[in-house]
């Protein structure tokens, strides 16, 4: 994607991209625990954004915004999840669906 380098520059997009890996309450610490935040903290973040009227965009909307094809609301954020952990579906999906928030997941095959 030609605009990919621009996506990460907030001065150009003005849209914060919130990156996550895993949303889980781990009983056991493992090599991936540092990539997680608690379900409670994630819900609090989503509640705040929802209550304060934030719009969520997807990659296509962001690309169109960068290219001047689409105007996004002032309070726009994007959610991106790396690595495709199972909790991106089992935990994140119900929360995002309830709030009508869009998000993307990049699955890393092993």
N, C-alpha and C. Protein backbone atom coordinates (compact mmCIF):
# COMPACT_ATOMS: atom_id res chain seq x y z
N UNK A 1 0.85 -1.17 0.00
CA UNK A 1 0.00 0.00 0.00
C UNK A 1 0.90 1.23 0.00
N UNK A 2 0.70 2.07 -0.96
CA UNK A 2 1.55 3.24 -1.15
C UNK A 2 1.52 4.20 0.04
N UNK A 3 0.39 4.32 0.71
CA UNK A 3 0.28 5.28 1.80
C UNK A 3 0.71 4.70 3.14
N UNK A 4 1.16 3.45 3.16
CA UNK A 4 1.49 2.79 4.42
C UNK A 4 2.45 3.61 5.29
N UNK A 5 3.49 4.18 4.70
CA UNK A 5 4.44 4.97 5.47
C UNK A 5 3.79 6.19 6.11
N UNK A 6 2.79 6.74 5.47
CA UNK A 6 2.10 7.91 5.99
C UNK A 6 1.18 7.56 7.15
N UNK A 7 0.68 6.34 7.18
CA UNK A 7 -0.29 5.93 8.19
C UNK A 7 0.27 6.12 9.59
N UNK A 8 1.53 5.88 9.78
CA UNK A 8 2.11 5.93 11.11
C UNK A 8 2.50 7.34 11.54
N UNK A 9 2.32 8.31 10.68
CA UNK A 9 2.68 9.68 10.99
C UNK A 9 1.42 10.46 11.37
N UNK A 10 1.21 10.67 12.67
CA UNK A 10 0.00 11.35 13.13
C UNK A 10 -0.10 12.77 12.61
N UNK A 11 1.03 13.39 12.28
CA UNK A 11 0.97 14.75 11.75
C UNK A 11 0.23 14.76 10.41
N UNK A 12 0.30 13.66 9.69
CA UNK A 12 -0.37 13.58 8.39
C UNK A 12 -1.81 13.13 8.56
N UNK A 13 -2.04 12.08 9.37
CA UNK A 13 -3.39 11.53 9.47
C UNK A 13 -4.23 12.22 10.52
N UNK A 14 -3.61 12.62 11.63
CA UNK A 14 -4.38 13.18 12.73
C UNK A 14 -5.21 12.14 13.45
N UNK A 15 -5.08 10.88 13.07
CA UNK A 15 -5.88 9.79 13.64
C UNK A 15 -4.98 8.90 14.49
N UNK A 16 -5.27 8.79 15.79
CA UNK A 16 -4.47 7.85 16.60
C UNK A 16 -4.82 6.40 16.26
N UNK A 17 -3.79 5.59 16.14
CA UNK A 17 -3.97 4.15 15.93
C UNK A 17 -3.55 3.47 17.22
N UNK A 18 -4.50 2.81 17.86
CA UNK A 18 -4.24 2.15 19.13
C UNK A 18 -3.90 0.69 18.87
N UNK A 19 -2.68 0.32 19.19
CA UNK A 19 -2.18 -1.03 18.93
C UNK A 19 -2.31 -1.89 20.18
N UNK A 20 -2.79 -3.10 19.98
CA UNK A 20 -2.89 -4.07 21.06
C UNK A 20 -2.38 -5.42 20.55
N UNK A 21 -2.06 -6.29 21.49
CA UNK A 21 -1.73 -7.67 21.16
C UNK A 21 -2.74 -8.62 21.79
N UNK A 22 -2.82 -8.57 23.10
CA UNK A 22 -3.66 -9.53 23.82
C UNK A 22 -4.41 -8.82 24.94
N UNK A 23 -5.68 -9.20 25.09
CA UNK A 23 -6.51 -8.68 26.17
C UNK A 23 -6.90 -9.89 27.01
N UNK A 24 -6.27 -10.03 28.15
CA UNK A 24 -6.51 -11.25 28.94
C UNK A 24 -6.08 -11.03 30.38
N UNK A 25 -6.70 -11.78 31.25
CA UNK A 25 -6.30 -11.82 32.65
C UNK A 25 -5.54 -13.12 32.86
N UNK A 26 -4.24 -13.05 32.72
CA UNK A 26 -3.41 -14.26 32.80
C UNK A 26 -3.15 -14.65 34.23
N UNK A 27 -3.49 -15.88 34.55
CA UNK A 27 -3.15 -16.45 35.85
C UNK A 27 -1.68 -16.85 35.85
N UNK A 28 -1.23 -17.34 34.71
CA UNK A 28 0.14 -17.82 34.59
C UNK A 28 0.94 -16.83 33.76
N UNK A 29 2.07 -16.42 34.27
CA UNK A 29 2.94 -15.53 33.50
C UNK A 29 3.72 -16.38 32.50
N UNK A 30 3.78 -15.91 31.28
CA UNK A 30 4.55 -16.61 30.26
C UNK A 30 5.30 -15.58 29.41
N UNK A 31 5.94 -16.05 28.35
CA UNK A 31 6.77 -15.17 27.53
C UNK A 31 5.96 -14.08 26.82
N UNK A 32 4.65 -14.25 26.72
CA UNK A 32 3.81 -13.27 26.02
C UNK A 32 3.03 -12.36 26.96
N UNK A 33 3.14 -12.55 28.25
CA UNK A 33 2.36 -11.77 29.22
C UNK A 33 2.60 -10.27 29.09
N UNK A 34 3.80 -9.88 28.73
CA UNK A 34 4.10 -8.44 28.63
C UNK A 34 3.33 -7.76 27.50
N UNK A 35 2.76 -8.55 26.59
CA UNK A 35 1.99 -7.99 25.48
C UNK A 35 0.51 -7.81 25.83
N UNK A 36 0.12 -8.20 27.02
CA UNK A 36 -1.29 -8.20 27.41
C UNK A 36 -1.63 -7.02 28.31
N UNK A 37 -2.89 -6.60 28.19
CA UNK A 37 -3.46 -5.73 29.22
C UNK A 37 -4.69 -6.47 29.75
N UNK A 38 -5.12 -6.09 30.92
CA UNK A 38 -6.24 -6.79 31.55
C UNK A 38 -7.55 -6.47 30.83
N UNK A 39 -8.48 -7.40 30.96
CA UNK A 39 -9.80 -7.20 30.38
C UNK A 39 -10.46 -5.97 31.00
N UNK A 40 -10.32 -5.80 32.29
CA UNK A 40 -10.91 -4.64 32.98
C UNK A 40 -10.37 -3.33 32.42
N UNK A 41 -9.05 -3.24 32.24
CA UNK A 41 -8.45 -2.02 31.70
C UNK A 41 -8.93 -1.77 30.27
N UNK A 42 -8.98 -2.81 29.46
CA UNK A 42 -9.45 -2.67 28.08
C UNK A 42 -10.90 -2.19 28.06
N UNK A 43 -11.76 -2.81 28.87
CA UNK A 43 -13.16 -2.38 28.93
C UNK A 43 -13.27 -0.92 29.36
N UNK A 44 -12.46 -0.52 30.33
CA UNK A 44 -12.48 0.88 30.77
C UNK A 44 -12.10 1.83 29.64
N UNK A 45 -11.09 1.45 28.85
CA UNK A 45 -10.68 2.27 27.71
C UNK A 45 -11.80 2.38 26.68
N UNK A 46 -12.43 1.25 26.37
CA UNK A 46 -13.51 1.24 25.38
C UNK A 46 -14.73 2.02 25.89
N UNK A 47 -15.04 1.87 27.18
CA UNK A 47 -16.16 2.62 27.77
C UNK A 47 -15.91 4.12 27.66
N UNK A 48 -14.68 4.55 27.95
CA UNK A 48 -14.34 5.97 27.87
C UNK A 48 -14.53 6.49 26.44
N UNK A 49 -13.98 5.77 25.47
CA UNK A 49 -14.07 6.22 24.08
C UNK A 49 -15.52 6.23 23.60
N UNK A 50 -16.28 5.23 23.97
CA UNK A 50 -17.68 5.14 23.56
C UNK A 50 -18.49 6.27 24.20
N UNK A 51 -18.32 6.46 25.49
CA UNK A 51 -19.06 7.49 26.22
C UNK A 51 -18.74 8.89 25.71
N UNK A 52 -17.53 9.08 25.20
CA UNK A 52 -17.11 10.39 24.72
C UNK A 52 -17.27 10.56 23.21
N UNK A 53 -18.02 9.66 22.58
CA UNK A 53 -18.43 9.85 21.19
C UNK A 53 -17.36 9.62 20.14
N UNK A 54 -16.41 8.74 20.39
CA UNK A 54 -15.37 8.47 19.40
C UNK A 54 -15.89 7.58 18.28
N UNK A 55 -15.45 7.88 17.07
CA UNK A 55 -15.75 7.08 15.88
C UNK A 55 -14.54 6.19 15.62
N UNK A 56 -14.79 4.96 15.18
CA UNK A 56 -13.68 4.06 14.84
C UNK A 56 -13.66 3.83 13.34
N UNK A 57 -12.48 3.92 12.77
CA UNK A 57 -12.34 3.71 11.33
C UNK A 57 -11.59 2.41 11.06
N UNK A 58 -11.71 1.95 9.82
CA UNK A 58 -10.93 0.78 9.39
C UNK A 58 -9.80 1.26 8.48
N UNK A 59 -8.98 0.31 8.01
CA UNK A 59 -7.82 0.68 7.19
C UNK A 59 -8.22 1.39 5.90
N UNK A 60 -9.30 0.95 5.26
CA UNK A 60 -9.73 1.56 4.01
C UNK A 60 -10.17 3.01 4.24
N UNK A 61 -10.90 3.23 5.30
CA UNK A 61 -11.32 4.60 5.62
C UNK A 61 -10.12 5.49 5.91
N UNK A 62 -9.14 4.94 6.62
CA UNK A 62 -7.94 5.71 6.93
C UNK A 62 -7.16 6.03 5.65
N UNK A 63 -7.03 5.05 4.78
CA UNK A 63 -6.35 5.27 3.50
C UNK A 63 -7.07 6.36 2.70
N UNK A 64 -8.40 6.27 2.62
CA UNK A 64 -9.17 7.28 1.89
C UNK A 64 -9.02 8.66 2.53
N UNK A 65 -8.94 8.71 3.84
CA UNK A 65 -8.74 9.97 4.56
C UNK A 65 -7.38 10.58 4.19
N UNK A 66 -6.35 9.75 4.19
CA UNK A 66 -5.00 10.22 3.86
C UNK A 66 -4.94 10.75 2.44
N UNK A 67 -5.65 10.08 1.54
CA UNK A 67 -5.64 10.48 0.13
C UNK A 67 -6.63 11.61 -0.16
N UNK A 68 -7.31 12.10 0.86
CA UNK A 68 -8.25 13.20 0.68
C UNK A 68 -9.58 12.80 0.10
N UNK A 69 -9.88 11.51 0.06
CA UNK A 69 -11.14 11.02 -0.51
C UNK A 69 -12.27 10.96 0.52
N UNK A 70 -11.92 10.98 1.80
CA UNK A 70 -12.93 10.85 2.84
C UNK A 70 -12.55 11.71 4.03
N UNK A 71 -13.52 12.44 4.52
CA UNK A 71 -13.33 13.22 5.74
C UNK A 71 -13.81 12.38 6.91
N UNK A 72 -12.98 12.26 7.93
CA UNK A 72 -13.36 11.50 9.13
C UNK A 72 -13.70 12.47 10.25
N UNK A 73 -14.58 12.05 11.16
CA UNK A 73 -14.92 12.92 12.29
C UNK A 73 -13.69 13.29 13.11
N UNK A 74 -13.77 14.42 13.79
CA UNK A 74 -12.64 14.89 14.60
C UNK A 74 -12.23 13.86 15.65
N UNK A 75 -13.19 13.23 16.27
CA UNK A 75 -12.91 12.23 17.30
C UNK A 75 -12.88 10.83 16.68
N UNK A 76 -11.86 10.56 15.88
CA UNK A 76 -11.71 9.25 15.25
C UNK A 76 -10.48 8.56 15.80
N UNK A 77 -10.60 7.27 16.05
CA UNK A 77 -9.47 6.42 16.43
C UNK A 77 -9.55 5.14 15.61
N UNK A 78 -8.44 4.44 15.56
CA UNK A 78 -8.40 3.14 14.90
C UNK A 78 -7.80 2.14 15.87
N UNK A 79 -8.37 0.93 15.90
CA UNK A 79 -7.87 -0.14 16.75
C UNK A 79 -7.22 -1.21 15.88
N UNK A 80 -6.04 -1.62 16.28
CA UNK A 80 -5.31 -2.64 15.52
C UNK A 80 -4.73 -3.66 16.49
N UNK A 81 -4.94 -4.93 16.19
CA UNK A 81 -4.43 -6.03 17.02
C UNK A 81 -3.43 -6.84 16.21
N UNK A 82 -2.24 -7.01 16.77
CA UNK A 82 -1.20 -7.80 16.11
C UNK A 82 -1.19 -9.23 16.65
N UNK A 83 -0.83 -10.14 15.79
CA UNK A 83 -0.52 -11.55 16.09
C UNK A 83 -1.72 -12.48 16.14
N UNK A 84 -2.93 -11.97 16.21
CA UNK A 84 -4.11 -12.83 16.12
C UNK A 84 -4.30 -13.79 17.29
N UNK A 85 -4.02 -13.33 18.50
CA UNK A 85 -4.28 -14.17 19.67
C UNK A 85 -5.77 -14.51 19.73
N UNK A 86 -6.10 -15.68 20.27
CA UNK A 86 -7.49 -16.13 20.36
C UNK A 86 -8.37 -15.11 21.09
N UNK A 87 -7.82 -14.44 22.09
CA UNK A 87 -8.63 -13.48 22.85
C UNK A 87 -9.05 -12.27 22.01
N UNK A 88 -8.40 -12.05 20.86
CA UNK A 88 -8.84 -10.98 19.95
C UNK A 88 -10.26 -11.26 19.46
N UNK A 89 -10.63 -12.52 19.43
CA UNK A 89 -11.98 -12.93 19.06
C UNK A 89 -12.85 -13.16 20.29
N UNK A 90 -12.37 -13.99 21.21
CA UNK A 90 -13.21 -14.42 22.33
C UNK A 90 -13.48 -13.31 23.35
N UNK A 91 -12.55 -12.41 23.55
CA UNK A 91 -12.71 -11.32 24.52
C UNK A 91 -13.03 -10.00 23.82
N UNK A 92 -12.25 -9.66 22.82
CA UNK A 92 -12.36 -8.34 22.18
C UNK A 92 -13.64 -8.21 21.36
N UNK A 93 -13.96 -9.22 20.56
CA UNK A 93 -15.12 -9.11 19.66
C UNK A 93 -16.42 -8.74 20.38
N UNK A 94 -16.78 -9.42 21.48
CA UNK A 94 -18.04 -9.04 22.14
C UNK A 94 -18.05 -7.59 22.66
N UNK A 95 -16.92 -7.14 23.15
CA UNK A 95 -16.82 -5.76 23.65
C UNK A 95 -16.97 -4.77 22.51
N UNK A 96 -16.26 -5.03 21.41
CA UNK A 96 -16.31 -4.12 20.27
C UNK A 96 -17.69 -4.14 19.60
N UNK A 97 -18.30 -5.31 19.53
CA UNK A 97 -19.63 -5.43 18.93
C UNK A 97 -20.65 -4.62 19.74
N UNK A 98 -20.56 -4.73 21.06
CA UNK A 98 -21.48 -4.00 21.93
C UNK A 98 -21.37 -2.49 21.71
N UNK A 99 -20.17 -2.00 21.46
CA UNK A 99 -19.93 -0.57 21.27
C UNK A 99 -20.05 -0.15 19.80
N UNK A 100 -20.22 -1.13 18.91
CA UNK A 100 -20.25 -0.89 17.47
C UNK A 100 -18.93 -0.27 16.99
N UNK A 101 -17.82 -0.76 17.56
CA UNK A 101 -16.48 -0.31 17.20
C UNK A 101 -15.87 -1.25 16.16
N UNK A 102 -15.19 -0.66 15.18
CA UNK A 102 -14.44 -1.43 14.18
C UNK A 102 -13.04 -1.69 14.71
N UNK A 103 -12.45 -2.81 14.28
CA UNK A 103 -11.05 -3.07 14.62
C UNK A 103 -10.47 -4.05 13.61
N UNK A 104 -9.15 -4.05 13.51
CA UNK A 104 -8.49 -4.97 12.59
C UNK A 104 -7.57 -5.90 13.38
N UNK A 105 -7.39 -7.09 12.81
CA UNK A 105 -6.49 -8.09 13.40
C UNK A 105 -5.55 -8.55 12.30
N UNK A 106 -4.26 -8.58 12.61
CA UNK A 106 -3.28 -9.19 11.71
C UNK A 106 -2.88 -10.52 12.33
N UNK A 107 -3.17 -11.59 11.62
CA UNK A 107 -2.87 -12.94 12.11
C UNK A 107 -1.47 -13.33 11.65
N UNK A 108 -0.66 -13.78 12.59
CA UNK A 108 0.69 -14.23 12.30
C UNK A 108 0.71 -15.75 12.29
N UNK A 109 0.90 -16.37 11.12
CA UNK A 109 0.93 -17.83 11.09
C UNK A 109 2.21 -18.37 11.71
N UNK A 110 2.10 -19.53 12.32
CA UNK A 110 3.29 -20.15 12.90
C UNK A 110 3.72 -21.32 12.06
